[in-house]
Each structure stands twice: as structure tokens, then as C-alpha cells.
């Protein structure tokens, strides 16, 4: 888990450097490269190094269970890279910390899931801190903020979809990464006019 967190943070910093400092104007291209590298990494872990077993998924489950989650995962990555073009990594990560609040609200709205008052109360300092940080951010950009916020909503949606679609389904992070990144490339490919 520690390695995964470090790779993720390094990836965000490098994407920010590429999109802001080098003024690379194609966040979808960066996202596509992200999906390709992740799919290769998952392939190596599962098929070459054999650190994780290959989990066979039939065609119907790929489209009914995996594709919706992969589509939202793809949107999440793309919005994250779009936001990195306009706001610093630290601000994007601050907005991403809003994910628990959006997950609780979406579960309450969509499934009418009941949450104890203590859970709702614990969200107040999170939301308040994010609002305070957003208002006082020196490099605030509304477009970058909205992209990061919608990316946060996509993360919450992906979590909820994973919980409902993969319930009772034996599937781990590596198998999901391999399938999701392949679907991610398919989705991004449809926006190829920006990938030049």
C-alpha cells in the first residue's frame, strides 16, 4: 500500500509538471499514457511475475459489472489530469479529500442509506476545511477547481459502483486495474481528436 501511495503521488506531481510547467495542452493524452502504463503494470504483476492470480471474467460480467466502473474510473483520471493543468497538486489533493463527504451524500441520495449522526457530524470539519482552503488558495482557478470536484464525485461514484457491482464477485485490485485500464483506453480513444 505504501508503494502504491508513493507511485500515485509521484504520478500526480509529474503530471502537474508536464501539464503546467512544460505547458503540455493535452490532458487526455496524459490520461491515455497513464492507462497504458497501468495496464502494462497489471499485466506484468499478473501474467509475468505471477504475484497475483489471473481471475477469469466472462464477457457478460465484463460489460455489466466492470465496464460501468471502468468508465467512471476513466472519467476520474481524465478530470484529475485536467484539473492538474490549472491548479497545483496540493490543492487538487485537498479537494480530493472531499471524497468521503461526497460518497456519504451520494449513498444517501441514491440508495437512501442511513448514516448515524456522528458520521454526518464528522464531515463538517472536512467540508469546512476544504471550503476554507479553497477560498484562501492563491492559485485558485474555477475551471481546475470544478474539474477536481467532479473528479471527486467520479471517485465516489466509482466506490459506490464497485461496492454494488462487484458484491460477491472475487476480484482484486490488480485484476480490476488490468481490465479497467484497457476499457479506459477504449473510452479515451473516442476522444482522439485531442490526442494529437
C-alpha atoms as a PDB file:
ATOM      1  CA  UNK A   1       0.000   0.000   0.000  1.00  0.00           C
ATOM      2  CA  UNK A   2       2.890   2.355   0.832  1.00  0.00           C
ATOM      3  CA  UNK A   3       4.426   1.733  -2.599  1.00  0.00           C
ATOM      4  CA  UNK A   4       1.081   2.368  -4.304  1.00  0.00           C
ATOM      5  CA  UNK A   5       0.622   5.687  -2.451  1.00  0.00           C
ATOM      6  CA  UNK A   6       4.124   6.829  -3.412  1.00  0.00           C
ATOM      7  CA  UNK A   7       3.633   5.903  -7.065  1.00  0.00           C
ATOM      8  CA  UNK A   8       0.286   7.704  -7.119  1.00  0.00           C
ATOM      9  CA  UNK A   9       1.724  10.862  -5.562  1.00  0.00           C
ATOM     10  CA  UNK A  10       4.734  10.820  -7.893  1.00  0.00           C
ATOM     11  CA  UNK A  11       2.405  10.388 -10.865  1.00  0.00           C
ATOM     12  CA  UNK A  12       0.344  13.438  -9.795  1.00  0.00           C
ATOM     13  CA  UNK A  13       3.461  15.575  -9.383  1.00  0.00           C
ATOM     14  CA  UNK A  14       4.879  14.503 -12.762  1.00  0.00           C
ATOM     15  CA  UNK A  15       1.538  15.093 -14.493  1.00  0.00           C
ATOM     16  CA  UNK A  16       1.332  18.548 -12.920  1.00  0.00           C
ATOM     17  CA  UNK A  17       4.878  19.340 -14.048  1.00  0.00           C
ATOM     18  CA  UNK A  18       4.102  18.172 -17.576  1.00  0.00           C
ATOM     19  CA  UNK A  19       0.763  19.995 -17.834  1.00  0.00           C
ATOM     20  CA  UNK A  20       1.706  23.267 -16.096  1.00  0.00           C
ATOM     21  CA  UNK A  21       5.448  23.800 -16.217  1.00  0.00           C
ATOM     22  CA  UNK A  22       6.041  22.335 -19.679  1.00  0.00           C
ATOM     23  CA  UNK A  23       2.671  23.726 -20.871  1.00  0.00           C
ATOM     24  CA  UNK A  24       1.551  20.424 -22.393  1.00  0.00           C
ATOM     25  CA  UNK A  25      -2.012  21.105 -23.516  1.00  0.00           C
ATOM     26  CA  UNK A  26      -3.368  17.563 -23.894  1.00  0.00           C
ATOM     27  CA  UNK A  27      -4.574  16.057 -20.596  1.00  0.00           C
ATOM     28  CA  UNK A  28      -6.344  13.224 -22.462  1.00  0.00           C
ATOM     29  CA  UNK A  29      -3.022  12.134 -23.911  1.00  0.00           C
ATOM     30  CA  UNK A  30      -1.531  12.096 -20.415  1.00  0.00           C
ATOM     31  CA  UNK A  31      -4.530  10.049 -19.250  1.00  0.00           C
ATOM     32  CA  UNK A  32      -4.125   7.580 -22.107  1.00  0.00           C
ATOM     33  CA  UNK A  33      -0.439   7.107 -21.248  1.00  0.00           C
ATOM     34  CA  UNK A  34      -1.486   6.607 -17.617  1.00  0.00           C
ATOM     35  CA  UNK A  35      -3.909   3.839 -18.640  1.00  0.00           C
ATOM     36  CA  UNK A  36      -1.352   2.148 -20.872  1.00  0.00           C
ATOM     37  CA  UNK A  37       1.317   2.156 -18.129  1.00  0.00           C
ATOM     38  CA  UNK A  38      -1.167   0.885 -15.531  1.00  0.00           C
ATOM     39  CA  UNK A  39      -2.393  -1.893 -17.843  1.00  0.00           C
ATOM     40  CA  UNK A  40       1.210  -2.938 -18.551  1.00  0.00           C
ATOM     41  CA  UNK A  41       1.990  -2.906 -14.816  1.00  0.00           C
ATOM     42  CA  UNK A  42      -1.064  -5.028 -14.007  1.00  0.00           C
ATOM     43  CA  UNK A  43      -0.195  -7.413 -16.852  1.00  0.00           C
ATOM     44  CA  UNK A  44       3.346  -7.821 -15.502  1.00  0.00           C
ATOM     45  CA  UNK A  45       2.143  -8.439 -11.938  1.00  0.00           C
ATOM     46  CA  UNK A  46      -0.479 -10.992 -13.022  1.00  0.00           C
ATOM     47  CA  UNK A  47       0.967 -12.727 -16.086  1.00  0.00           C
ATOM     48  CA  UNK A  48       4.755 -12.340 -15.936  1.00  0.00           C
ATOM     49  CA  UNK A  49       5.713 -12.114 -12.262  1.00  0.00           C
ATOM     50  CA  UNK A  50       2.687 -14.211 -11.205  1.00  0.00           C
ATOM     51  CA  UNK A  51       2.371 -12.247  -7.947  1.00  0.00           C
ATOM     52  CA  UNK A  52      -1.410 -12.308  -8.268  1.00  0.00           C
ATOM     53  CA  UNK A  53      -3.590 -14.982  -9.868  1.00  0.00           C
ATOM     54  CA  UNK A  54      -5.393 -14.301 -13.120  1.00  0.00           C
ATOM     55  CA  UNK A  55      -9.107 -14.083 -12.426  1.00  0.00           C
ATOM     56  CA  UNK A  56     -11.198 -15.126 -15.391  1.00  0.00           C
ATOM     57  CA  UNK A  57     -14.139 -12.824 -16.064  1.00  0.00           C
ATOM     58  CA  UNK A  58     -16.727 -13.840 -18.616  1.00  0.00           C
ATOM     59  CA  UNK A  59     -17.793 -11.417 -21.336  1.00  0.00           C
ATOM     60  CA  UNK A  60     -21.187 -10.630 -19.802  1.00  0.00           C
ATOM     61  CA  UNK A  61     -19.637  -9.697 -16.432  1.00  0.00           C
ATOM     62  CA  UNK A  62     -17.032  -7.523 -18.161  1.00  0.00           C
ATOM     63  CA  UNK A  63     -19.739  -5.404 -19.746  1.00  0.00           C
ATOM     64  CA  UNK A  64     -22.306  -5.433 -16.931  1.00  0.00           C
ATOM     65  CA  UNK A  65     -20.020  -5.178 -13.915  1.00  0.00           C
ATOM     66  CA  UNK A  66     -16.595  -3.973 -14.976  1.00  0.00           C
ATOM     67  CA  UNK A  67     -17.286  -1.534 -17.812  1.00  0.00           C
ATOM     68  CA  UNK A  68     -19.519   0.895 -15.845  1.00  0.00           C
ATOM     69  CA  UNK A  69     -16.927   1.072 -13.075  1.00  0.00           C
ATOM     70  CA  UNK A  70     -14.116   1.416 -15.625  1.00  0.00           C
ATOM     71  CA  UNK A  71     -15.927   4.215 -17.419  1.00  0.00           C
ATOM     72  CA  UNK A  72     -16.280   6.207 -14.197  1.00  0.00           C
ATOM     73  CA  UNK A  73     -12.637   5.392 -13.318  1.00  0.00           C
ATOM     74  CA  UNK A  74     -11.603   6.788 -16.709  1.00  0.00           C
ATOM     75  CA  UNK A  75     -13.611   9.981 -16.160  1.00  0.00           C
ATOM     76  CA  UNK A  76     -11.983  10.330 -12.720  1.00  0.00           C
ATOM     77  CA  UNK A  77      -8.434  10.092 -14.142  1.00  0.00           C
ATOM     78  CA  UNK A  78      -9.181  12.449 -17.027  1.00  0.00           C
ATOM     79  CA  UNK A  79     -10.758  15.067 -14.735  1.00  0.00           C
ATOM     80  CA  UNK A  80      -7.803  14.760 -12.359  1.00  0.00           C
ATOM     81  CA  UNK A  81      -5.372  15.452 -15.197  1.00  0.00           C
ATOM     82  CA  UNK A  82      -7.490  18.319 -16.496  1.00  0.00           C
ATOM     83  CA  UNK A  83      -7.504  19.865 -13.019  1.00  0.00           C
ATOM     84  CA  UNK A  84      -3.708  19.471 -12.765  1.00  0.00           C
ATOM     85  CA  UNK A  85      -3.385  21.672 -15.833  1.00  0.00           C
ATOM     86  CA  UNK A  86      -4.921  24.566 -13.865  1.00  0.00           C
ATOM     87  CA  UNK A  87      -4.301  24.019 -10.156  1.00  0.00           C
ATOM     88  CA  UNK A  88      -1.359  22.761  -8.047  1.00  0.00           C
ATOM     89  CA  UNK A  89      -1.136  19.148  -6.861  1.00  0.00           C
ATOM     90  CA  UNK A  90      -1.579  20.181  -3.230  1.00  0.00           C
ATOM     91  CA  UNK A  91      -4.851  21.958  -3.987  1.00  0.00           C
ATOM     92  CA  UNK A  92      -6.120  19.039  -6.100  1.00  0.00           C
ATOM     93  CA  UNK A  93      -5.324  16.596  -3.274  1.00  0.00           C
ATOM     94  CA  UNK A  94      -7.118  18.880  -0.813  1.00  0.00           C
ATOM     95  CA  UNK A  95     -10.217  18.815  -2.994  1.00  0.00           C
ATOM     96  CA  UNK A  96      -9.879  15.011  -3.327  1.00  0.00           C
ATOM     97  CA  UNK A  97     -10.097  14.785   0.462  1.00  0.00           C
ATOM     98  CA  UNK A  98     -13.728  15.802  -0.056  1.00  0.00           C
ATOM     99  CA  UNK A  99     -14.376  12.232  -1.335  1.00  0.00           C
ATOM    100  CA  UNK A 100     -15.720  10.793   1.963  1.00  0.00           C
ATOM    101  CA  UNK A 101     -18.335  13.551   2.113  1.00  0.00           C
ATOM    102  CA  UNK A 102     -19.444  13.068  -1.494  1.00  0.00           C
ATOM    103  CA  UNK A 103     -19.550   9.289  -1.015  1.00  0.00           C
ATOM    104  CA  UNK A 104     -21.823   9.583   2.022  1.00  0.00           C
ATOM    105  CA  UNK A 105     -24.105  12.104   0.297  1.00  0.00           C
ATOM    106  CA  UNK A 106     -24.340  10.016  -2.895  1.00  0.00           C
ATOM    107  CA  UNK A 107     -25.099   6.832  -0.944  1.00  0.00           C
ATOM    108  CA  UNK A 108     -27.775   8.710   0.991  1.00  0.00           C
ATOM    109  CA  UNK A 109     -29.288  10.187  -2.188  1.00  0.00           C
ATOM    110  CA  UNK A 110     -29.079   7.126  -4.447  1.00  0.00           C
ATOM    111  CA  UNK A 111     -29.703   4.218  -2.070  1.00  0.00           C
ATOM    112  CA  UNK A 112     -31.317   6.065   0.805  1.00  0.00           C
ATOM    113  CA  UNK A 113     -28.644   4.530   3.002  1.00  0.00           C
ATOM    114  CA  UNK A 114     -28.961   5.609   6.610  1.00  0.00           C
ATOM    115  CA  UNK A 115     -25.917   7.111   8.343  1.00  0.00           C
ATOM    116  CA  UNK A 116     -25.556   7.817  12.035  1.00  0.00           C
ATOM    117  CA  UNK A 117     -25.478  11.496  13.041  1.00  0.00           C
ATOM    118  CA  UNK A 118     -21.827  11.056  14.097  1.00  0.00           C
ATOM    119  CA  UNK A 119     -20.847  10.309  10.506  1.00  0.00           C
ATOM    120  CA  UNK A 120     -22.623  13.445   9.301  1.00  0.00           C
ATOM    121  CA  UNK A 121     -21.000  15.464  12.100  1.00  0.00           C
ATOM    122  CA  UNK A 122     -17.547  14.132  11.203  1.00  0.00           C
ATOM    123  CA  UNK A 123     -17.987  15.503   7.673  1.00  0.00           C
ATOM    124  CA  UNK A 124     -18.457  19.090   8.888  1.00  0.00           C
ATOM    125  CA  UNK A 125     -14.742  19.755   9.610  1.00  0.00           C
ATOM    126  CA  UNK A 126     -13.776  18.101   6.319  1.00  0.00           C
ATOM    127  CA  UNK A 127     -16.146  20.224   4.265  1.00  0.00           C
ATOM    128  CA  UNK A 128     -15.353  23.349   6.299  1.00  0.00           C
ATOM    129  CA  UNK A 129     -11.604  22.835   5.882  1.00  0.00           C
ATOM    130  CA  UNK A 130     -11.919  22.331   2.140  1.00  0.00           C
ATOM    131  CA  UNK A 131     -14.063  25.449   1.789  1.00  0.00           C
ATOM    132  CA  UNK A 132     -11.575  27.468   3.838  1.00  0.00           C
ATOM    133  CA  UNK A 133      -8.651  26.151   1.798  1.00  0.00           C
ATOM    134  CA  UNK A 134     -10.426  26.821  -1.489  1.00  0.00           C
ATOM    135  CA  UNK A 135     -11.299  30.398  -0.569  1.00  0.00           C
ATOM    136  CA  UNK A 136      -7.755  31.197   0.558  1.00  0.00           C
ATOM    137  CA  UNK A 137      -5.923  29.362  -2.272  1.00  0.00           C
ATOM    138  CA  UNK A 138      -3.660  31.852  -4.039  1.00  0.00           C
ATOM    139  CA  UNK A 139      -3.614  29.962  -7.333  1.00  0.00           C
ATOM    140  CA  UNK A 140      -7.369  29.317  -7.380  1.00  0.00           C
ATOM    141  CA  UNK A 141      -8.778  28.572 -10.817  1.00  0.00           C
ATOM    142  CA  UNK A 142     -12.510  27.901 -11.155  1.00  0.00           C
ATOM    143  CA  UNK A 143     -12.157  25.505 -14.091  1.00  0.00           C
ATOM    144  CA  UNK A 144      -9.453  23.484 -12.309  1.00  0.00           C
ATOM    145  CA  UNK A 145     -11.481  23.512  -9.104  1.00  0.00           C
ATOM    146  CA  UNK A 146     -14.603  22.240 -10.902  1.00  0.00           C
ATOM    147  CA  UNK A 147     -12.632  19.529 -12.717  1.00  0.00           C
ATOM    148  CA  UNK A 148     -11.151  18.346  -9.416  1.00  0.00           C
ATOM    149  CA  UNK A 149     -14.553  18.495  -7.695  1.00  0.00           C
ATOM    150  CA  UNK A 150     -16.249  16.491 -10.467  1.00  0.00           C
ATOM    151  CA  UNK A 151     -13.293  14.084 -10.317  1.00  0.00           C
ATOM    152  CA  UNK A 152     -14.061  13.712  -6.615  1.00  0.00           C
ATOM    153  CA  UNK A 153     -17.681  12.907  -7.467  1.00  0.00           C
ATOM    154  CA  UNK A 154     -16.445  10.362 -10.025  1.00  0.00           C
ATOM    155  CA  UNK A 155     -14.258   8.746  -7.335  1.00  0.00           C
ATOM    156  CA  UNK A 156     -17.265   8.473  -5.023  1.00  0.00           C
ATOM    157  CA  UNK A 157     -19.396   7.060  -7.814  1.00  0.00           C
ATOM    158  CA  UNK A 158     -16.694   4.506  -8.650  1.00  0.00           C
ATOM    159  CA  UNK A 159     -16.544   3.445  -4.988  1.00  0.00           C
ATOM    160  CA  UNK A 160     -20.314   3.035  -4.844  1.00  0.00           C
ATOM    161  CA  UNK A 161     -20.387   1.158  -8.164  1.00  0.00           C
ATOM    162  CA  UNK A 162     -17.584  -1.144  -7.030  1.00  0.00           C
ATOM    163  CA  UNK A 163     -19.494  -1.907  -3.846  1.00  0.00           C
ATOM    164  CA  UNK A 164     -22.712  -2.732  -5.688  1.00  0.00           C
ATOM    165  CA  UNK A 165     -21.451  -4.246  -8.954  1.00  0.00           C
ATOM    166  CA  UNK A 166     -18.657  -6.350  -7.505  1.00  0.00           C
ATOM    167  CA  UNK A 167     -20.567  -7.543  -4.431  1.00  0.00           C
ATOM    168  CA  UNK A 168     -19.952 -11.280  -4.077  1.00  0.00           C
ATOM    169  CA  UNK A 169     -17.546 -11.226  -7.012  1.00  0.00           C
ATOM    170  CA  UNK A 170     -13.991 -12.446  -6.409  1.00  0.00           C
ATOM    171  CA  UNK A 171     -11.969  -9.628  -7.896  1.00  0.00           C
ATOM    172  CA  UNK A 172      -8.870  -7.871  -6.590  1.00  0.00           C
ATOM    173  CA  UNK A 173      -7.156  -4.536  -7.309  1.00  0.00           C
ATOM    174  CA  UNK A 174      -4.717  -5.926  -9.896  1.00  0.00           C
ATOM    175  CA  UNK A 175      -7.335  -7.727 -11.951  1.00  0.00           C
ATOM    176  CA  UNK A 176      -9.565  -4.652 -11.788  1.00  0.00           C
ATOM    177  CA  UNK A 177      -6.641  -2.442 -12.867  1.00  0.00           C
ATOM    178  CA  UNK A 178      -5.878  -4.603 -15.879  1.00  0.00           C
ATOM    179  CA  UNK A 179      -9.476  -4.624 -17.108  1.00  0.00           C
ATOM    180  CA  UNK A 180     -10.281  -1.022 -16.119  1.00  0.00           C
ATOM    181  CA  UNK A 181      -7.218   0.424 -17.834  1.00  0.00           C
ATOM    182  CA  UNK A 182      -7.954  -1.463 -21.040  1.00  0.00           C
ATOM    183  CA  UNK A 183     -11.512  -0.096 -21.006  1.00  0.00           C
ATOM    184  CA  UNK A 184     -10.084   3.327 -20.113  1.00  0.00           C
ATOM    185  CA  UNK A 185      -8.019   3.356 -23.286  1.00  0.00           C
ATOM    186  CA  UNK A 186     -11.112   2.479 -25.309  1.00  0.00           C
ATOM    187  CA  UNK A 187     -13.053   5.385 -23.773  1.00  0.00           C
ATOM    188  CA  UNK A 188     -10.208   7.884 -24.222  1.00  0.00           C
ATOM    189  CA  UNK A 189      -9.674   6.710 -27.804  1.00  0.00           C
ATOM    190  CA  UNK A 190     -13.131   8.008 -28.669  1.00  0.00           C
ATOM    191  CA  UNK A 191     -11.859  11.494 -27.818  1.00  0.00           C
ATOM    192  CA  UNK A 192      -8.877  11.034 -30.153  1.00  0.00           C
ATOM    193  CA  UNK A 193      -9.265  14.452 -31.805  1.00  0.00           C
ATOM    194  CA  UNK A 194      -7.474  15.893 -28.756  1.00  0.00           C
ATOM    195  CA  UNK A 195      -4.817  13.160 -28.583  1.00  0.00           C
ATOM    196  CA  UNK A 196      -2.649  14.530 -31.369  1.00  0.00           C
END
